[in-house]
Amino acid sequence: MSRLAYLDSLRGIAAVLVVITHLWLPPLGPWSLPDHFLLDIGKMGVIWFFLLSGVVIPFSLQPGPGGAKRFIVSRGLRLYPTYWLSMAVFVAMLALTGAQLPSGRTLIANLTMLQAALGYSDVVGLYWTLFIEWVFYALCLGLMLMGKLHDTRFRALCSLGLLLVALAMGMARMLLERKLPVALPLGLSLMLFGSIWRDWILGQADATSKRCAVALLGAYALLLPPTFYSAYGFDTGLGEYWVRYLFTYALAIGSFLVLTQSVRLQHPILLWLGTRSYSLYLLHPSMAMLAAYWLGSATPSTLLALIATGLALLAAHLSYRFVELPFMQLSKRLNGKARAPMPFIPELQVPQETSNRP
């Protein structure tokens, strides 16, 4: 699909919401929130990221010879170089500040971006979302090989099935009091919903797309409350409350529908942030550490947040300019060379009396 400016704007806002959560809100930032504040601002941004991936990713995977290979090359070169840079910078900040370094095995596992599946912790806490991205890519590849990737009904059923898996995991989490990864099936379900909502965004929604989208929204309204109540009805030490989860997911989904259908933002600043959102997302924790080390512990929190935000924006721009762009261009060159030439088809002979028809 051609790039749609308001989707980049939404991606930029999502990155800013995550940055605000980590740099401007407690425990590091100067802005205070009431106890049991209903909205998790950072998680709202992450939900938007998931929905945007659903809008874009399945339709960048084209069936045919070499389609899967081109997709893997494109996604790998898009994600890994900036990810490795962010990990190197973060470990350097840990060493600079004298903090404890991750073990060698943890670092090696994190290089794969699949550390969650390998049983290792994330070097940077927000890496968990990238694992879900790769699981979604694998799901899309599997659907393509089955010939079901562009089957709207089948994707809707998969989304509903994953939502039911999240409910089952939430109930198991409540009964066993174990931290099962409910976010994984929920994120995948939202991504598949985003792939169906894409038809509405482009004005191509037929009766099937409309029925599937409405049915999934109804399923979220019905199944998310018991899912969150069972999964987060008890405190696991992370300050997780089911009402907060429910309100955040409801607001995130509803606002996403509005901002992609009725109110489409395309301000140049938001577009600038959107194109650099991946680097901003990955690098801002390291810039917070750098700002704190540079300015010292006695620095007012507002000034510290301002400097950290400025450093994060600068680092994101440099990363985009010197890492993301070159590797995206390399991806296009590699995939261009890998693309099989079209077979020669002789031009049909058209009778003279019909040759001027459109």
Protein backbone atom coordinates (compact mmCIF):
# COMPACT_ATOMS: atom_id res chain seq x y z
CA MET A 1 0.00 0.00 0.00
CA SER A 2 1.15 3.56 -0.56
CA ARG A 3 2.24 5.39 2.56
CA LEU A 4 -0.64 7.18 4.24
CA ALA A 5 0.49 10.29 6.06
CA TYR A 6 -2.01 10.11 8.91
CA LEU A 7 -0.83 6.61 9.78
CA ASP A 8 2.71 7.96 10.19
CA SER A 9 1.29 10.76 12.34
CA LEU A 10 -0.47 8.23 14.54
CA ARG A 11 2.74 6.24 14.81
CA GLY A 12 4.53 9.40 15.92
CA ILE A 13 1.93 10.11 18.59
CA ALA A 14 2.20 6.51 19.82
CA ALA A 15 5.97 6.88 20.25
CA VAL A 16 5.50 10.16 22.13
CA LEU A 17 3.01 8.49 24.51
CA VAL A 18 5.63 5.85 25.36
CA VAL A 19 8.30 8.52 25.85
CA ILE A 20 6.00 10.52 28.14
CA THR A 21 5.38 7.42 30.25
CA HIS A 22 9.08 6.67 30.71
CA LEU A 23 10.54 10.18 30.93
CA TRP A 24 7.79 12.45 32.29
CA LEU A 25 5.73 10.28 34.64
CA PRO A 26 6.70 8.68 37.97
CA PRO A 27 9.00 7.30 39.13
CA LEU A 28 11.48 9.30 37.01
CA GLY A 29 9.46 12.22 35.66
CA PRO A 30 8.02 15.39 37.20
CA TRP A 31 4.37 14.87 36.30
CA SER A 32 2.28 13.19 38.98
CA LEU A 33 -0.91 11.25 38.39
CA PRO A 34 -3.72 10.42 40.81
CA ASP A 35 -3.60 7.05 42.49
CA HIS A 36 -5.19 4.32 40.36
CA PHE A 37 -5.23 6.62 37.31
CA LEU A 38 -7.33 4.76 34.75
CA LEU A 39 -5.30 5.42 31.60
CA ASP A 40 -1.96 3.71 30.97
CA ILE A 41 -0.58 6.21 28.44
CA GLY A 42 2.35 4.10 27.30
CA LYS A 43 0.28 0.98 26.81
CA MET A 44 -2.16 2.97 24.71
CA GLY A 45 0.73 3.85 22.39
CA VAL A 46 1.78 0.20 22.20
CA ILE A 47 -1.77 -0.86 21.28
CA TRP A 48 -1.74 1.68 18.45
CA PHE A 49 1.58 0.24 17.25
CA PHE A 50 0.02 -3.24 17.15
CA LEU A 51 -3.03 -2.04 15.24
CA LEU A 52 -0.86 -0.14 12.76
CA SER A 53 1.23 -3.26 12.13
CA GLY A 54 -1.97 -5.10 11.32
CA VAL A 55 -2.95 -2.41 8.83
CA VAL A 56 0.37 -2.53 6.97
CA ILE A 57 2.28 -5.81 7.41
CA PRO A 58 -0.03 -8.49 5.91
CA PHE A 59 -0.32 -6.51 2.70
CA SER A 60 3.42 -6.05 2.29
CA LEU A 61 3.70 -9.84 1.97
CA GLN A 62 2.89 -10.74 -1.61
CA PRO A 63 2.33 -14.38 -2.61
CA GLY A 64 4.38 -15.86 -5.41
CA PRO A 65 7.96 -17.04 -5.98
CA GLY A 66 10.34 -15.41 -3.52
CA GLY A 67 7.61 -13.50 -1.71
CA ALA A 68 8.42 -14.97 1.71
CA LYS A 69 12.15 -14.39 1.24
CA ARG A 70 11.65 -10.76 0.22
CA PHE A 71 9.38 -10.22 3.22
CA ILE A 72 11.93 -11.68 5.67
CA VAL A 73 14.78 -9.65 4.16
CA SER A 74 12.69 -6.48 4.29
CA ARG A 75 11.54 -6.96 7.87
CA GLY A 76 14.93 -8.14 9.11
CA LEU A 77 16.82 -5.17 7.69
CA ARG A 78 14.09 -2.85 8.91
CA LEU A 79 14.16 -4.03 12.52
CA TYR A 80 17.49 -5.59 13.47
CA PRO A 81 20.14 -2.90 12.76
CA THR A 82 18.38 -0.22 14.82
CA TYR A 83 17.51 -2.79 17.48
CA TRP A 84 21.16 -3.88 17.80
CA LEU A 85 22.22 -0.24 17.97
CA SER A 86 19.76 0.42 20.80
CA MET A 87 21.03 -2.61 22.72
CA ALA A 88 24.68 -1.55 22.30
CA VAL A 89 23.90 1.98 23.44
CA PHE A 90 21.91 0.73 26.44
CA VAL A 91 24.67 -1.65 27.55
CA ALA A 92 27.19 1.19 27.13
CA MET A 93 25.03 3.36 29.39
CA LEU A 94 24.89 0.58 31.98
CA ALA A 95 28.68 0.35 31.93
CA LEU A 96 29.06 4.14 32.07
CA THR A 97 26.80 4.48 35.09
CA GLY A 98 28.22 1.46 36.90
CA ALA A 99 24.96 -0.49 36.78
CA GLN A 100 24.91 -4.27 36.66
CA LEU A 101 25.41 -5.66 33.17
CA PRO A 102 23.30 -8.49 31.75
CA SER A 103 24.94 -11.89 31.50
CA GLY A 104 26.62 -12.92 28.28
CA ARG A 105 23.92 -15.49 27.57
CA THR A 106 21.22 -12.89 28.06
CA LEU A 107 22.97 -10.54 25.64
CA ILE A 108 23.36 -13.27 23.01
CA ALA A 109 19.71 -14.30 23.38
CA ASN A 110 18.62 -10.69 23.01
CA LEU A 111 20.52 -10.37 19.75
CA THR A 112 17.93 -12.68 18.19
CA MET A 113 14.97 -10.53 19.33
CA LEU A 114 13.40 -13.86 20.34
CA GLN A 115 14.68 -13.94 23.92
CA ALA A 116 11.20 -14.44 25.36
CA ALA A 117 10.89 -17.74 23.52
CA LEU A 118 14.39 -18.73 24.63
CA GLY A 119 13.61 -18.09 28.30
CA TYR A 120 15.75 -14.99 28.82
CA SER A 121 14.79 -11.56 30.08
CA ASP A 122 14.80 -8.44 27.91
CA VAL A 123 17.89 -6.25 28.11
CA VAL A 124 15.58 -3.24 27.66
CA GLY A 125 12.12 -3.66 29.13
CA LEU A 126 10.22 -2.51 26.05
CA TYR A 127 11.74 -5.22 23.82
CA TRP A 128 8.77 -7.47 24.64
CA THR A 129 6.68 -5.77 21.95
CA LEU A 130 9.19 -6.69 19.22
CA PHE A 131 8.86 -10.38 20.03
CA ILE A 132 5.11 -10.07 19.45
CA GLU A 133 5.87 -8.36 16.12
CA TRP A 134 7.94 -11.32 14.97
CA VAL A 135 5.28 -13.79 16.06
CA PHE A 136 2.83 -11.80 13.94
CA TYR A 137 5.19 -11.95 10.97
CA ALA A 138 5.40 -15.73 11.37
CA LEU A 139 1.61 -15.91 11.57
CA CYS A 140 1.29 -13.88 8.36
CA LEU A 141 3.79 -16.15 6.60
CA GLY A 142 1.85 -19.20 7.75
CA LEU A 143 -1.43 -17.75 6.50
CA MET A 144 0.19 -16.92 3.16
CA LEU A 145 1.47 -20.49 2.75
CA MET A 146 -2.05 -21.73 3.52
CA GLY A 147 -3.51 -19.34 0.96
CA LYS A 148 -5.55 -17.63 3.69
CA LEU A 149 -3.66 -14.36 4.22
CA HIS A 150 -6.15 -12.29 2.22
CA ASP A 151 -9.21 -14.24 3.37
CA THR A 152 -11.06 -11.71 5.55
CA ARG A 153 -13.31 -14.26 7.24
CA PHE A 154 -10.39 -16.54 8.10
CA ARG A 155 -8.36 -13.68 9.59
CA ALA A 156 -11.40 -12.63 11.62
CA LEU A 157 -11.77 -16.18 12.95
CA CYS A 158 -8.07 -16.25 13.84
CA SER A 159 -8.43 -12.93 15.66
CA LEU A 160 -11.42 -14.25 17.60
CA GLY A 161 -9.58 -17.48 18.38
CA LEU A 162 -6.61 -15.57 19.77
CA LEU A 163 -8.96 -13.45 21.87
CA LEU A 164 -10.40 -16.65 23.34
CA VAL A 165 -6.87 -17.90 24.01
CA ALA A 166 -6.20 -14.66 25.91
CA LEU A 167 -9.35 -15.26 27.98
CA ALA A 168 -8.27 -18.84 28.73
CA MET A 169 -4.79 -17.68 29.71
CA GLY A 170 -6.29 -15.00 31.94
CA MET A 171 -8.41 -17.55 33.75
CA ALA A 172 -5.42 -19.88 34.12
CA ARG A 173 -3.38 -16.94 35.40
CA MET A 174 -6.02 -16.27 38.07
CA LEU A 175 -6.32 -19.90 39.15
CA LEU A 176 -2.59 -20.61 39.15
CA GLU A 177 -1.49 -17.08 40.14
CA ARG A 178 1.24 -17.21 37.52
CA LYS A 179 2.26 -14.43 35.11
CA LEU A 180 1.16 -16.00 31.86
CA PRO A 181 1.77 -13.82 28.74
CA VAL A 182 -1.79 -12.68 28.09
CA ALA A 183 -0.43 -9.74 26.05
CA LEU A 184 0.81 -12.09 23.30
CA PRO A 185 -2.53 -13.45 22.04
CA LEU A 186 -4.19 -10.08 22.71
CA GLY A 187 -1.60 -8.25 20.62
CA LEU A 188 -1.91 -10.75 17.77
CA SER A 189 -5.70 -10.50 17.86
CA LEU A 190 -5.51 -6.70 17.61
CA MET A 191 -3.06 -6.92 14.71
CA LEU A 192 -5.42 -9.16 12.78
CA PHE A 193 -8.27 -6.79 13.54
CA GLY A 194 -6.13 -3.99 12.13
CA SER A 195 -5.73 -5.96 8.91
CA ILE A 196 -9.52 -6.07 8.58
CA TRP A 197 -9.99 -2.42 9.55
CA ARG A 198 -7.60 -1.54 6.72
CA ASP A 199 -10.47 -1.93 4.24
CA TRP A 200 -12.42 0.75 6.10
CA ILE A 201 -9.40 3.07 6.10
CA LEU A 202 -8.99 2.74 2.33
CA GLY A 203 -12.71 2.98 1.66
CA GLN A 204 -12.79 -0.58 0.32
CA ALA A 205 -14.86 -2.28 3.01
CA ASP A 206 -17.35 -4.69 1.50
CA ALA A 207 -20.17 -6.43 3.36
CA THR A 208 -17.81 -9.17 4.60
CA SER A 209 -15.24 -6.74 5.97
CA LYS A 210 -17.93 -4.71 7.69
CA ARG A 211 -19.52 -7.75 9.32
CA CYS A 212 -16.15 -9.09 10.47
CA ALA A 213 -15.02 -5.75 11.91
CA VAL A 214 -18.29 -5.17 13.76
CA ALA A 215 -18.31 -8.75 15.05
CA LEU A 216 -14.75 -8.44 16.38
CA LEU A 217 -15.54 -5.14 18.08
CA GLY A 218 -18.49 -6.84 19.74
CA ALA A 219 -16.24 -9.71 20.80
CA TYR A 220 -13.76 -7.28 22.36
CA ALA A 221 -16.59 -5.57 24.26
CA LEU A 222 -17.82 -8.93 25.52
CA LEU A 223 -14.57 -10.79 26.22
CA LEU A 224 -12.05 -8.14 27.29
CA PRO A 225 -13.71 -7.45 30.69
CA PRO A 226 -13.53 -11.08 31.91
CA THR A 227 -10.07 -11.46 30.37
CA PHE A 228 -8.65 -8.51 32.28
CA TYR A 229 -10.56 -9.29 35.46
CA SER A 230 -9.19 -12.81 35.57
CA ALA A 231 -5.66 -11.88 34.47
CA TYR A 232 -5.18 -8.71 36.50
CA GLY A 233 -7.73 -9.00 39.27
CA PHE A 234 -4.86 -9.59 41.70
CA ASP A 235 -1.69 -7.55 42.13
CA THR A 236 1.45 -9.28 40.86
CA GLY A 237 3.68 -6.50 42.14
CA LEU A 238 3.61 -4.47 38.93
CA GLY A 239 0.70 -2.22 39.81
CA GLU A 240 -1.56 -3.94 37.29
CA TYR A 241 -5.28 -3.41 37.78
CA TRP A 242 -7.95 -4.90 35.55
CA VAL A 243 -10.08 -1.74 35.38
CA ARG A 244 -7.07 0.24 34.17
CA TYR A 245 -6.33 -2.37 31.49
CA LEU A 246 -9.94 -2.38 30.35
CA PHE A 247 -10.21 1.40 30.15
CA THR A 248 -6.86 1.71 28.32
CA TYR A 249 -7.67 -0.95 25.72
CA ALA A 250 -11.17 0.44 25.15
CA LEU A 251 -9.90 3.99 24.71
CA ALA A 252 -6.98 2.86 22.51
CA ILE A 253 -9.19 0.85 20.15
CA GLY A 254 -11.90 3.51 20.01
CA SER A 255 -9.48 6.38 19.41
CA PHE A 256 -7.66 4.36 16.74
CA LEU A 257 -10.92 3.93 14.84
CA VAL A 258 -11.63 7.66 15.04
CA LEU A 259 -8.09 8.77 14.14
CA THR A 260 -7.94 6.51 11.09
CA GLN A 261 -11.46 7.12 9.81
CA SER A 262 -12.88 10.47 10.90
CA VAL A 263 -10.04 12.65 12.28
CA ARG A 264 -6.87 12.17 10.25
CA LEU A 265 -3.90 14.15 11.60
CA GLN A 266 -1.14 15.11 9.16
CA HIS A 267 0.89 17.85 10.86
CA PRO A 268 4.53 18.00 9.65
CA ILE A 269 5.87 17.58 13.21
CA LEU A 270 3.81 14.43 13.67
CA LEU A 271 5.00 13.10 10.32
CA TRP A 272 8.61 13.79 11.34
CA LEU A 273 8.05 11.90 14.59
CA GLY A 274 6.30 9.08 12.77
CA THR A 275 9.19 8.36 10.42
CA ARG A 276 11.57 8.28 13.41
CA SER A 277 9.22 6.52 15.82
CA TYR A 278 11.08 3.19 15.80
CA SER A 279 14.41 4.75 16.75
CA LEU A 280 12.70 7.03 19.28
CA TYR A 281 10.94 4.05 20.83
CA LEU A 282 14.15 2.04 21.19
CA LEU A 283 16.65 4.73 22.16
CA HIS A 284 14.82 6.93 24.67
CA PRO A 285 15.55 4.70 27.73
CA SER A 286 19.28 5.01 27.04
CA MET A 287 19.01 8.77 26.63
CA ALA A 288 17.26 8.99 30.00
CA MET A 289 20.23 7.22 31.59
CA LEU A 290 22.67 9.49 29.78
CA ALA A 291 20.85 12.63 30.90
CA ALA A 292 20.76 11.46 34.52
CA TYR A 293 24.47 10.60 34.46
CA TRP A 294 25.40 13.86 32.75
CA LEU A 295 23.32 16.21 34.90
CA GLY A 296 23.56 14.40 38.22
CA SER A 297 21.00 13.27 40.77
CA ALA A 298 20.44 16.80 42.14
CA THR A 299 18.99 18.04 38.83
CA PRO A 300 15.32 19.08 38.98
CA SER A 301 13.17 16.38 37.44
CA THR A 302 11.58 18.76 34.91
CA LEU A 303 14.97 19.80 33.52
CA LEU A 304 16.11 16.20 33.51
CA ALA A 305 13.02 15.14 31.52
CA LEU A 306 13.51 18.00 29.05
CA ILE A 307 17.17 17.14 28.42
CA ALA A 308 16.40 13.44 28.15
CA THR A 309 13.60 14.11 25.66
CA GLY A 310 15.86 16.36 23.59
CA LEU A 311 18.61 13.75 23.56
CA ALA A 312 16.08 11.07 22.58
CA LEU A 313 14.81 13.14 19.64
CA LEU A 314 18.37 13.87 18.48
CA ALA A 315 19.40 10.22 18.80
CA ALA A 316 16.26 9.12 16.94
CA HIS A 317 17.01 11.50 14.06
CA LEU A 318 20.64 10.39 13.78
CA SER A 319 19.64 6.73 13.96
CA TYR A 320 17.01 7.21 11.28
CA ARG A 321 19.39 9.11 9.03
CA PHE A 322 22.46 6.89 9.36
CA VAL A 323 21.03 3.46 10.24
CA GLU A 324 17.38 3.07 9.30
CA LEU A 325 17.47 4.78 5.89
CA PRO A 326 20.63 3.06 4.58
CA PHE A 327 19.36 -0.38 5.55
CA MET A 328 15.91 0.29 4.07
CA GLN A 329 17.65 1.24 0.82
CA LEU A 330 19.79 -1.90 1.03
CA SER A 331 16.63 -3.94 1.51
CA LYS A 332 15.09 -2.46 -1.63
CA ARG A 333 18.23 -3.19 -3.64
CA LEU A 334 18.47 -6.79 -2.41
CA ASN A 335 14.80 -7.46 -2.99
CA GLY A 336 14.98 -5.81 -6.39
CA LYS A 337 17.77 -8.17 -7.42
CA ALA A 338 15.99 -11.15 -5.91
CA ARG A 339 12.75 -10.46 -7.72
CA ALA A 340 12.28 -12.93 -10.54
CA PRO A 341 11.89 -11.38 -14.01
CA MET A 342 8.43 -11.48 -15.50
CA PRO A 343 8.05 -14.08 -18.24
CA PHE A 344 7.87 -12.73 -21.77
CA ILE A 345 4.33 -12.72 -23.13
CA PRO A 346 3.99 -11.99 -26.86
CA GLU A 347 1.74 -9.05 -27.61
CA LEU A 348 -1.66 -10.11 -28.83
CA GLN A 349 -2.62 -9.13 -32.35
CA VAL A 350 -5.66 -6.85 -32.10
CA PRO A 351 -8.03 -6.56 -35.04
CA GLN A 352 -7.84 -3.12 -36.65
CA GLU A 353 -11.50 -2.26 -36.03
CA THR A 354 -11.19 -2.79 -32.25
CA SER A 355 -7.72 -1.39 -31.63
CA ASN A 356 -8.96 2.00 -30.39
CA ARG A 357 -11.17 0.60 -27.63
CA PRO A 358 -10.15 1.50 -24.09
